[in-house]
């Protein structure tokens, strides 16, 4: 046997006037800049944290190599890639990074003859990875200025 079909009454929508639709559009236009700054700000914070993690990895990679080969810091002279700490740091964190070493030692290959500075085993060396960071929101970059992401690692020289 067939069941009777029940008809639901149609719910009447209240009439919206053109004025109330225009008011909603004006409210949205007022809030849109604030919402976009908020969304892009959250995205920029996430990007900055990711870049900081990359900087930590780059500094650790460069510091590990520099601790075993303290005279091979930058890509100069006999210390061409991949035989230097900067190359190993960029391999860990990316090519955007530059590195600062403290103390700065000259590039030496083979036996040391009359070095300007001698690295002693057990001495500490600090490696800093540096990278420029651009914000997605040009207005915020205009207010806050340019950013640098920096991370430092201190190691003991082993050789």
Protein backbone atom coordinates (compact mmCIF):
# COMPACT_ATOMS: atom_id res chain seq x y z
CA UNK A 1 0.00 0.00 0.00
CA UNK A 2 1.20 3.44 -0.77
CA UNK A 3 1.87 6.04 1.88
CA UNK A 4 0.38 9.42 1.41
CA UNK A 5 2.83 12.10 0.34
CA UNK A 6 3.22 14.89 2.86
CA UNK A 7 3.76 18.31 1.56
CA UNK A 8 5.90 20.63 3.62
CA UNK A 9 4.85 24.20 3.68
CA UNK A 10 7.24 26.50 1.88
CA UNK A 11 9.09 28.68 4.32
CA UNK A 12 8.78 32.21 3.23
CA UNK A 13 12.01 34.16 3.09
CA UNK A 14 11.83 37.64 4.36
CA UNK A 15 12.24 40.15 1.63
CA UNK A 16 15.63 41.84 1.61
CA UNK A 17 15.75 45.31 0.36
CA UNK A 18 18.40 46.69 -1.92
CA UNK A 19 19.44 48.95 0.91
CA UNK A 20 20.30 46.08 3.28
CA UNK A 21 22.22 44.26 0.52
CA UNK A 22 24.21 47.44 -0.13
CA UNK A 23 24.89 47.82 3.59
CA UNK A 24 26.32 44.30 3.75
CA UNK A 25 28.58 45.09 0.79
CA UNK A 26 29.87 48.26 2.48
CA UNK A 27 30.55 46.35 5.72
CA UNK A 28 32.46 43.70 3.80
CA UNK A 29 34.49 46.37 1.97
CA UNK A 30 35.42 47.94 5.31
CA UNK A 31 36.49 44.63 6.89
CA UNK A 32 38.32 43.18 3.88
CA UNK A 33 41.65 45.05 4.41
CA UNK A 34 41.78 44.01 8.07
CA UNK A 35 40.98 40.39 7.25
CA UNK A 36 43.57 40.25 4.48
CA UNK A 37 46.29 41.72 6.75
CA UNK A 38 45.37 39.15 9.39
CA UNK A 39 45.48 36.22 6.94
CA UNK A 40 48.74 37.31 5.30
CA UNK A 41 50.23 38.06 8.72
CA UNK A 42 49.56 34.49 9.85
CA UNK A 43 51.07 33.17 6.61
CA UNK A 44 54.16 35.39 7.07
CA UNK A 45 54.65 34.14 10.64
CA UNK A 46 54.54 30.56 9.36
CA UNK A 47 57.01 31.36 6.58
CA UNK A 48 59.34 33.09 9.06
CA UNK A 49 59.30 30.07 11.39
CA UNK A 50 60.05 27.77 8.46
CA UNK A 51 62.94 30.02 7.35
CA UNK A 52 64.26 30.08 10.93
CA UNK A 53 64.25 26.26 11.01
CA UNK A 54 66.14 26.24 7.71
CA UNK A 55 68.65 28.71 9.18
CA UNK A 56 69.19 26.47 12.20
CA UNK A 57 69.86 23.49 9.92
CA UNK A 58 72.19 25.53 7.71
CA UNK A 59 74.16 26.83 10.72
CA UNK A 60 74.44 23.31 12.15
CA UNK A 61 75.64 21.89 8.82
CA UNK A 62 78.27 24.60 8.41
CA UNK A 63 79.33 24.36 12.07
CA UNK A 64 79.78 20.59 11.90
CA UNK A 65 82.12 20.88 8.92
CA UNK A 66 83.91 23.91 10.43
CA UNK A 67 84.56 22.02 13.67
CA UNK A 68 86.56 19.37 11.80
CA UNK A 69 88.11 21.69 9.20
CA UNK A 70 88.33 25.16 10.80
CA UNK A 71 90.51 26.61 8.02
CA UNK A 72 87.94 25.81 5.33
CA UNK A 73 85.19 28.31 6.03
CA UNK A 74 84.37 30.18 2.82
CA UNK A 75 84.61 29.31 -0.87
CA UNK A 76 87.91 31.02 -1.68
CA UNK A 77 91.32 29.91 -2.95
CA UNK A 78 91.96 26.23 -2.30
CA UNK A 79 88.67 25.97 -0.37
CA UNK A 80 86.42 25.62 -3.41
CA UNK A 81 83.07 23.84 -3.23
CA UNK A 82 82.44 21.25 -1.75
CA UNK A 83 85.53 21.57 0.46
CA UNK A 84 84.29 24.36 2.72
CA UNK A 85 81.84 24.91 5.57
CA UNK A 86 79.68 27.39 3.64
CA UNK A 87 78.93 24.78 0.96
CA UNK A 88 77.85 22.26 3.60
CA UNK A 89 75.64 24.87 5.28
CA UNK A 90 73.96 25.78 1.98
CA UNK A 91 73.43 22.07 1.29
CA UNK A 92 71.49 21.84 4.57
CA UNK A 93 69.50 25.07 4.42
CA UNK A 94 69.42 26.33 0.84
CA UNK A 95 71.36 28.67 -1.41
CA UNK A 96 69.86 31.84 0.09
CA UNK A 97 72.14 31.69 3.12
CA UNK A 98 75.40 33.45 3.79
CA UNK A 99 77.61 32.53 6.72
CA UNK A 100 79.60 34.43 9.30
CA UNK A 101 82.36 32.69 11.22
CA UNK A 102 83.89 33.78 14.50
CA UNK A 103 86.84 33.56 14.65
CA UNK A 104 87.46 34.04 10.93
CA UNK A 105 90.35 31.91 9.75
CA UNK A 106 92.11 32.12 6.39
CA UNK A 107 91.71 29.28 3.90
CA UNK A 108 94.60 26.84 4.15
CA UNK A 109 95.11 23.59 2.32
CA UNK A 110 97.63 20.93 3.23
CA UNK A 111 100.25 21.79 5.84
CA UNK A 112 99.91 25.10 7.62
CA UNK A 113 102.83 27.38 6.98
CA UNK A 114 102.97 30.57 8.98
CA UNK A 115 99.24 30.84 9.60
CA UNK A 116 97.80 34.20 10.56
CA UNK A 117 95.72 32.57 13.25
CA UNK A 118 95.96 29.06 14.65
CA UNK A 119 92.85 27.09 15.63
CA UNK A 120 93.48 25.03 18.73
CA UNK A 121 91.53 21.84 19.43
CA UNK A 122 88.90 22.60 22.07
CA UNK A 123 88.56 26.26 21.06
CA UNK A 124 85.01 27.41 20.34
CA UNK A 125 83.85 28.62 16.94
CA UNK A 126 80.54 30.35 16.24
CA UNK A 127 78.83 29.97 12.87
CA UNK A 128 75.91 32.24 11.96
CA UNK A 129 73.59 31.57 9.02
CA UNK A 130 71.96 34.74 7.62
CA UNK A 131 69.15 35.09 5.09
CA UNK A 132 66.98 38.02 3.94
CA UNK A 133 63.26 37.56 4.46
CA UNK A 134 60.57 39.39 2.50
CA UNK A 135 57.04 39.70 3.83
CA UNK A 136 54.07 38.91 1.58
CA UNK A 137 52.28 42.08 2.63
CA UNK A 138 54.08 45.11 1.17
CA UNK A 139 52.28 47.44 3.59
CA UNK A 140 53.66 45.55 6.61
CA UNK A 141 57.15 45.50 5.12
CA UNK A 142 56.89 49.26 4.68
CA UNK A 143 55.95 49.64 8.35
CA UNK A 144 58.30 47.07 9.88
CA UNK A 145 61.20 47.31 7.42
CA UNK A 146 63.28 44.47 5.96
CA UNK A 147 63.91 41.33 7.98
CA UNK A 148 66.93 39.11 8.35
CA UNK A 149 66.62 35.55 9.61
CA UNK A 150 69.69 34.63 11.67
CA UNK A 151 70.68 31.52 13.57
CA UNK A 152 73.98 30.86 15.36
CA UNK A 153 75.63 27.64 16.48
CA UNK A 154 78.74 27.40 18.66
CA UNK A 155 80.95 24.31 18.36
CA UNK A 156 84.34 23.18 19.64
CA UNK A 157 87.14 22.70 17.15
CA UNK A 158 88.16 19.03 17.10
CA UNK A 159 91.28 19.18 14.90
